[in-house]
Amino acid sequence: MTASTAASTHAEIHALMQKLGQAAVAALAPLALAATATKNRALTAAAAAMRARSAQILGANEQDMQAARGAGLGAAMLDRLRLDAARVAAMANGVDDIAKLADPIGTVMSEWTRPNGLHIQRVRVPLGVIGIIYESRPNVTADAGALCLKSGNPVILRSGSESRLSSAAIHACLLEGLHAAGLPAAAIQLVPTVDRAAVGEMLAGMNDYLDVLVPRGGKSLVARVQAEARVPVIAHLEGNCHVYVDRDADPLMARAIVLNAKMRRTGICGAAETLLVDRAAPALLQSLVDALLEAGCEVRGDEAVQKIDARVIAASEQDWYTEYLDAIIAVRVVDGVDAAIAHIAQYGSAHTDAIVTANAVTAEHFLTRVDSAIVLHNASTQFADGAEFGMGAEIGISTDRFHARGPVGVEQLTSYKYVVRGAGQVRP
């Protein structure tokens, strides 16, 4: 490619992204003011289209999968990319569930009257135009599009090249829903190029149009967005999630939770990556290590864990920091709940951490002191999911402390304004 061709291509991408931004801004008022029934009509029509076009979506996904295998994508990425009939049905059901949620827009969050008679209300409003950059997961197209629609935010979606055909097929269903409800097509736009220059434009060239960016992908993508974006970002870098099994844990419950937290789906951000076991529970440690190895999970452990089974690999310092997204887990023996809390504080990513114990006092101690977006008692970390929280779906799990934390659903995609009503008051 010559320098002039590259410059021309860059200019074309810039013009394309500016056009998308302008269209999204134009859609902001119609979408923000749309009636709840209108938005719900668009969502239910989109969900119906996903069911009707399931074969086309799966055909597009198979083409993406073939290309991804040829490109040598790892097992975790392939699992995130793969769709089947059940996953398409779940995606459509999620859109229907979002339609059933209460509309946050216009909700009065609080209100009060001042001594001078001014009546003040804090009212939910959309955040504005949202840009979402994501890799692999084609279901993000449906989840993000539906959540942004319900919360009154136009969205610009930029899928990864590996999921471009799947995402386009799903996006076509969302457009069908918008058309059925009479809403502007620009309410949900999919960037029609996989050129990486489009990402650069969203990060640094569209601050006149975008109000917030949400990255959904690997650590390198999220880190780049956080470093280069010129608008606020809602994100998490990684999900280094922990399960702590306490001395008072029920053995059968502990086994079931640990296996589910690690092995149900190893490639999701809520998968457990480190298991901490109370030193006062050697029988539990033996049972859990045996169960993980039998399930085909590679175990990397400290000295105490290595003594359990010759198949346990010695854990390095880096293992305690690692998000494997694979059938690998780091296991450490700790001296009780406070040592577990200290380990999580040092090595964790403030995403999702769980305790398994029958001791209510120990559980509350853990839940209060572990500073993560999601903390659980006697439940698998794989419940770290907006749909499981009753949000219909999620755009991601935020580990930020500003604005949104935990699953990002419709309420987390809103801001607020103050509505003040008076009767002629002037300030003295």
Foldseek 3Di string as FASTA:
>chain_A
DDPVVVVVVLVVLLVLLVVLLVLQQVQQVVLQPDDLVLLLQLLLQLLVLLLVCVVQLQVLLVVLLVVCVVVPDDPLLSVLQHDDNVNSNLLSQLSNLLSVDDQQFQDFPDWDADPQGKIKTKGWTFLEEEEEEEERHLSLLSQVLSQCSSLSYQYEYEYAPSNLRSNVSSLVSSLSSCVSSVRDNSSYHYRPDNPCSNVVCQAAPNPVRHAEYEYYYALVVVVVSVVRHPHHYFYFNAQAEEEEEFQAFDLVLVQVQLCCLCPVQLNDRLRHAEYEYEPNRVVSLLVNVVSLVVVVAAEAEDPVSCVSDVSHHHDDPVSLQDSPSDSYHYYYYAHGLVRVLVSCVVRGRLAEYEYGHPDPVSRVVNVVRRRHLYYYYSHHSVCQFCVSVSQSGASDAGRDPPQDHGGHGNSSSIDIDMDIDDDPDDDD
